[in-house]
N, C-alpha and C. Protein backbone atom coordinates (compact mmCIF):
# COMPACT_ATOMS: atom_id res chain seq x y z
N UNK A 1 -31.24 -88.75 16.16
CA UNK A 1 -30.62 -88.99 17.20
C UNK A 1 -29.57 -90.23 17.31
N UNK A 2 -28.76 -90.14 17.76
CA UNK A 2 -27.16 -90.90 17.62
C UNK A 2 -27.46 -92.05 18.78
N UNK A 3 -26.29 -92.99 18.25
CA UNK A 3 -26.58 -94.42 19.15
C UNK A 3 -25.89 -94.17 20.67
N UNK A 4 -24.78 -92.82 20.73
CA UNK A 4 -24.28 -92.29 21.58
C UNK A 4 -25.19 -91.86 22.83
N UNK A 5 -26.22 -90.97 22.26
CA UNK A 5 -27.19 -89.95 22.67
C UNK A 5 -28.23 -91.12 22.98
N UNK A 6 -28.37 -92.41 22.69
CA UNK A 6 -29.68 -93.44 22.87
C UNK A 6 -29.02 -94.07 24.08
N UNK A 7 -27.81 -94.45 23.92
CA UNK A 7 -27.12 -95.25 25.43
C UNK A 7 -27.17 -93.89 26.57
N UNK A 8 -27.16 -92.81 26.36
CA UNK A 8 -26.75 -91.90 27.53
C UNK A 8 -27.86 -91.54 27.73
N UNK A 9 -28.94 -91.57 27.16
CA UNK A 9 -30.67 -91.55 27.80
C UNK A 9 -30.82 -92.63 28.50
N UNK A 10 -30.25 -94.45 28.10
CA UNK A 10 -30.67 -95.60 28.78
C UNK A 10 -30.25 -95.52 29.91
N UNK A 11 -28.94 -95.26 30.15
CA UNK A 11 -27.82 -95.03 31.15
C UNK A 11 -29.01 -94.36 32.27
N UNK A 12 -29.45 -93.39 31.69
CA UNK A 12 -29.84 -92.26 32.91
C UNK A 12 -31.56 -93.05 33.15
N UNK A 13 -32.04 -93.45 32.59
CA UNK A 13 -33.16 -94.12 33.02
C UNK A 13 -32.89 -95.90 33.60
N UNK A 14 -31.87 -95.96 33.54
CA UNK A 14 -31.53 -97.14 34.26
C UNK A 14 -31.31 -96.53 35.87
N UNK A 15 -30.47 -95.59 35.90
CA UNK A 15 -30.35 -95.08 37.09
C UNK A 15 -31.94 -94.51 37.80
N UNK A 16 -32.50 -93.87 36.71
CA UNK A 16 -33.81 -93.43 37.60
C UNK A 16 -34.68 -94.36 38.11
N UNK A 17 -34.69 -95.54 37.32
CA UNK A 17 -35.62 -96.79 37.98
C UNK A 17 -34.65 -97.29 39.12
N UNK A 18 -33.77 -97.28 39.18
CA UNK A 18 -33.26 -98.03 40.22
C UNK A 18 -33.33 -96.96 41.72
N UNK A 19 -32.86 -95.75 41.66
CA UNK A 19 -33.08 -94.89 42.39
C UNK A 19 -34.68 -95.35 43.07
N UNK A 20 -35.97 -95.24 42.28
CA UNK A 20 -36.97 -94.96 42.56
C UNK A 20 -37.22 -96.67 43.43
N UNK A 21 -36.51 -98.00 42.60
CA UNK A 21 -36.60 -98.92 43.65
C UNK A 21 -35.71 -99.11 44.88
N UNK A 22 -35.00 -98.47 45.22
CA UNK A 22 -34.44 -98.24 46.43
C UNK A 22 -35.12 -97.30 47.25
N UNK A 23 -35.98 -96.40 46.84
CA UNK A 23 -36.73 -95.73 47.41
C UNK A 23 -38.43 -96.61 47.99
N UNK A 24 -38.30 -97.78 47.09
CA UNK A 24 -39.72 -98.39 47.44
C UNK A 24 -39.18 -99.52 48.28
N UNK A 25 -37.97 -99.71 48.17
CA UNK A 25 -37.40 -101.26 48.94
C UNK A 25 -36.66 -100.77 50.00
N UNK A 26 -36.21 -99.75 50.52
CA UNK A 26 -35.48 -99.27 51.47
C UNK A 26 -35.43 -99.78 52.89
N UNK A 27 -36.67 -99.79 52.91
CA UNK A 27 -37.27 -99.98 54.59
C UNK A 27 -36.93 -101.53 54.73
N UNK A 28 -36.84 -102.21 54.06
CA UNK A 28 -36.84 -103.76 53.83
C UNK A 28 -35.19 -103.98 54.47
N UNK A 29 -35.07 -105.05 55.65
CA UNK A 29 -33.90 -105.30 55.88
C UNK A 29 -33.24 -106.23 54.89
N UNK A 30 -33.81 -107.02 54.33
CA UNK A 30 -33.17 -108.06 52.99
C UNK A 30 -32.33 -107.33 52.11
N UNK A 31 -33.57 -106.27 51.66
CA UNK A 31 -32.99 -105.29 50.94
C UNK A 31 -31.65 -104.49 51.40
N UNK A 32 -31.70 -103.85 52.40
CA UNK A 32 -30.92 -103.59 53.03
C UNK A 32 -29.49 -104.42 53.37
N UNK A 33 -29.44 -105.44 53.65
CA UNK A 33 -28.34 -106.21 53.77
C UNK A 33 -28.08 -106.86 52.71
N UNK A 34 -28.46 -107.03 51.57
CA UNK A 34 -28.37 -108.03 50.37
C UNK A 34 -27.85 -107.20 49.01
N UNK A 35 -29.07 -105.69 48.76
CA UNK A 35 -28.83 -105.33 47.39
C UNK A 35 -28.68 -103.85 47.56
N UNK A 36 -28.21 -103.14 48.83
CA UNK A 36 -28.13 -101.72 48.78
C UNK A 36 -26.61 -101.13 47.83
N UNK A 37 -25.62 -101.99 48.48
CA UNK A 37 -24.58 -101.95 47.91
C UNK A 37 -24.44 -101.75 46.53
N UNK A 38 -24.97 -102.85 45.75
CA UNK A 38 -25.23 -102.83 44.45
C UNK A 38 -26.32 -101.75 43.83
N UNK A 39 -27.06 -101.50 44.51
CA UNK A 39 -28.11 -100.35 43.82
C UNK A 39 -27.30 -99.14 43.83
N UNK A 40 -26.69 -98.70 45.31
CA UNK A 40 -25.89 -97.45 45.18
C UNK A 40 -24.59 -97.23 43.85
N UNK A 41 -24.57 -98.22 43.90
CA UNK A 41 -22.79 -98.30 42.32
C UNK A 41 -23.55 -97.85 41.61
N UNK A 42 -24.94 -99.01 41.07
CA UNK A 42 -25.55 -98.40 39.73
C UNK A 42 -25.95 -96.92 39.72
N UNK A 43 -26.56 -96.23 40.86
CA UNK A 43 -27.02 -94.97 40.91
C UNK A 43 -25.88 -93.87 40.62
N UNK A 44 -24.50 -94.33 41.10
CA UNK A 44 -23.41 -93.48 41.07
C UNK A 44 -22.98 -93.72 39.64
N UNK A 45 -22.67 -95.01 39.28
CA UNK A 45 -22.03 -95.12 37.88
C UNK A 45 -22.75 -94.69 36.79
N UNK A 46 -23.97 -94.88 36.53
CA UNK A 46 -24.73 -94.97 35.76
C UNK A 46 -24.95 -93.59 34.91
N UNK A 47 -25.07 -92.32 35.72
CA UNK A 47 -24.92 -91.09 35.05
C UNK A 47 -23.51 -90.73 34.76
N UNK A 48 -22.68 -91.11 35.23
CA UNK A 48 -21.08 -90.79 35.17
C UNK A 48 -21.04 -91.73 33.56
N UNK A 49 -21.20 -92.40 32.97
CA UNK A 49 -21.53 -93.44 31.61
C UNK A 49 -22.41 -92.47 30.77
N UNK A 50 -23.80 -92.09 31.55
CA UNK A 50 -24.37 -91.40 30.46
C UNK A 50 -23.58 -90.09 30.08
N UNK A 51 -23.21 -88.95 31.01
CA UNK A 51 -22.07 -88.09 30.91
C UNK A 51 -21.42 -88.27 29.63
N UNK A 52 -20.74 -89.40 29.66
CA UNK A 52 -19.62 -89.79 28.83
C UNK A 52 -19.95 -90.09 27.44
N UNK A 53 -21.03 -91.10 27.38
CA UNK A 53 -21.90 -91.26 26.30
C UNK A 53 -22.40 -89.72 25.77
N UNK A 54 -23.02 -89.01 26.12
CA UNK A 54 -23.54 -88.05 25.56
C UNK A 54 -22.59 -86.85 24.95
N UNK A 55 -21.71 -86.97 25.86
CA UNK A 55 -20.14 -85.99 25.16
C UNK A 55 -19.99 -86.53 23.80
N UNK A 56 -20.10 -87.49 23.62
CA UNK A 56 -19.25 -88.26 22.33
C UNK A 56 -20.51 -88.20 21.60
N UNK A 57 -21.75 -88.01 21.72
CA UNK A 57 -23.04 -88.14 20.56
C UNK A 57 -23.45 -87.18 19.72
N UNK A 58 -23.83 -86.95 18.83
CA UNK A 58 -23.84 -86.17 17.86
C UNK A 58 -24.29 -84.80 18.03
N UNK A 59 -23.83 -83.68 17.70
CA UNK A 59 -24.04 -82.25 18.10
C UNK A 59 -25.49 -82.28 17.79
N UNK A 60 -26.23 -81.32 18.98
CA UNK A 60 -28.01 -81.13 18.72
C UNK A 60 -28.14 -80.82 19.81
N UNK A 61 -29.50 -80.86 19.81
CA UNK A 61 -30.07 -80.74 21.09
C UNK A 61 -30.33 -81.82 22.23
N UNK A 62 -30.37 -83.17 21.50
CA UNK A 62 -30.75 -84.24 22.34
C UNK A 62 -29.20 -84.67 22.94
N UNK A 63 -27.76 -84.09 22.72
CA UNK A 63 -26.76 -84.16 22.94
C UNK A 63 -26.90 -83.36 24.78
N UNK A 64 -27.31 -82.31 24.74
CA UNK A 64 -27.62 -80.92 25.32
C UNK A 64 -28.59 -81.44 26.46
N UNK A 65 -29.55 -81.91 25.92
CA UNK A 65 -30.74 -82.45 26.92
C UNK A 65 -30.16 -83.86 27.80
N UNK A 66 -29.37 -84.69 27.04
CA UNK A 66 -28.84 -85.76 27.64
C UNK A 66 -27.80 -85.20 28.54
N UNK A 67 -26.77 -84.66 28.42
CA UNK A 67 -25.93 -84.48 29.03
C UNK A 67 -26.52 -83.57 30.48
N UNK A 68 -27.45 -82.41 30.34
CA UNK A 68 -27.89 -81.80 31.58
C UNK A 68 -28.27 -82.88 32.45
N UNK A 69 -29.61 -83.71 31.73
CA UNK A 69 -30.31 -84.56 32.59
C UNK A 69 -29.45 -85.54 33.44
N UNK A 70 -28.06 -85.75 32.88
CA UNK A 70 -27.56 -86.73 33.26
C UNK A 70 -26.91 -86.09 34.54
N UNK A 71 -26.36 -84.70 34.38
CA UNK A 71 -25.41 -83.87 35.50
C UNK A 71 -26.46 -83.90 35.88
N UNK A 72 -27.30 -83.12 36.37
CA UNK A 72 -28.90 -83.30 37.67
C UNK A 72 -28.90 -84.18 37.97
N UNK A 73 -28.67 -85.61 37.65
CA UNK A 73 -29.11 -86.47 38.22
C UNK A 73 -28.25 -87.20 38.97
N UNK A 74 -26.97 -86.71 38.58
CA UNK A 74 -25.78 -86.99 39.29
C UNK A 74 -25.64 -85.91 40.58
N UNK A 75 -25.94 -84.68 40.06
CA UNK A 75 -25.83 -84.07 41.41
C UNK A 75 -26.87 -84.44 42.57
N UNK A 76 -28.06 -84.43 42.06
CA UNK A 76 -29.51 -84.86 42.93
C UNK A 76 -29.14 -86.07 43.71
N UNK A 77 -28.79 -87.35 42.92
CA UNK A 77 -28.89 -88.47 44.01
C UNK A 77 -27.71 -89.15 43.76
N UNK A 78 -26.85 -88.96 43.17
CA UNK A 78 -25.77 -89.81 43.42
C UNK A 78 -24.75 -88.90 44.25
N UNK A 79 -24.39 -88.25 44.83
CA UNK A 79 -23.68 -87.65 45.50
C UNK A 79 -24.25 -88.20 46.99
N UNK A 80 -25.34 -88.04 47.23
CA UNK A 80 -25.68 -88.48 48.60
C UNK A 80 -25.78 -90.10 48.57
N UNK A 81 -25.63 -91.06 47.28
CA UNK A 81 -25.53 -92.28 47.20
C UNK A 81 -23.87 -92.50 47.68
N UNK A 82 -23.01 -91.59 47.25
CA UNK A 82 -21.86 -91.94 47.31
C UNK A 82 -20.93 -91.70 48.85
N UNK A 83 -21.85 -90.76 49.59
CA UNK A 83 -21.53 -90.69 50.63
C UNK A 83 -22.21 -91.95 51.91
N UNK A 84 -23.48 -92.08 51.23
CA UNK A 84 -24.32 -93.72 51.70
C UNK A 84 -23.03 -94.89 51.99
N UNK A 85 -22.76 -94.99 50.34
CA UNK A 85 -21.79 -96.14 50.12
C UNK A 85 -20.40 -95.92 51.17
N UNK A 86 -19.99 -95.00 51.03
CA UNK A 86 -18.82 -94.49 52.27
C UNK A 86 -18.87 -94.70 53.62
N UNK A 87 -20.37 -94.43 53.86
CA UNK A 87 -20.63 -94.62 55.15
C UNK A 87 -20.58 -96.03 55.59
N UNK A 88 -21.20 -96.64 54.56
CA UNK A 88 -21.93 -97.91 54.73
C UNK A 88 -20.43 -98.96 54.64
N UNK A 89 -19.54 -98.57 53.93
CA UNK A 89 -18.26 -98.87 53.63
C UNK A 89 -16.88 -99.07 54.88
N UNK A 90 -17.24 -97.62 54.99
CA UNK A 90 -15.75 -97.47 55.94
C UNK A 90 -16.59 -96.74 57.71
N UNK A 91 -18.06 -96.97 57.67
CA UNK A 91 -18.25 -96.35 58.73
C UNK A 91 -18.44 -97.42 59.78
N UNK A 92 -18.11 -98.59 59.96
CA UNK A 92 -18.13 -99.76 61.05
C UNK A 92 -17.41 -100.21 61.72
């Protein structure tokens, strides 16, 4: 597995861990006021970077798996995070 594919998986796991922490701490007012915007940016940007790095990786199964997982995560969670970030930023 090439280093681009490895970094692609790293950004995917970063996005997944950030999304899990968002689910755990989202009920806290302190989290909502201080960390939610940063968390949403990580959830949105990490899969995009993972897709780009996966596209530059070595040809093979690891490359396809990395791209598919990052695209799946982006479609599943990042679009909602982008909508949430838009509402927080411009909805007031």
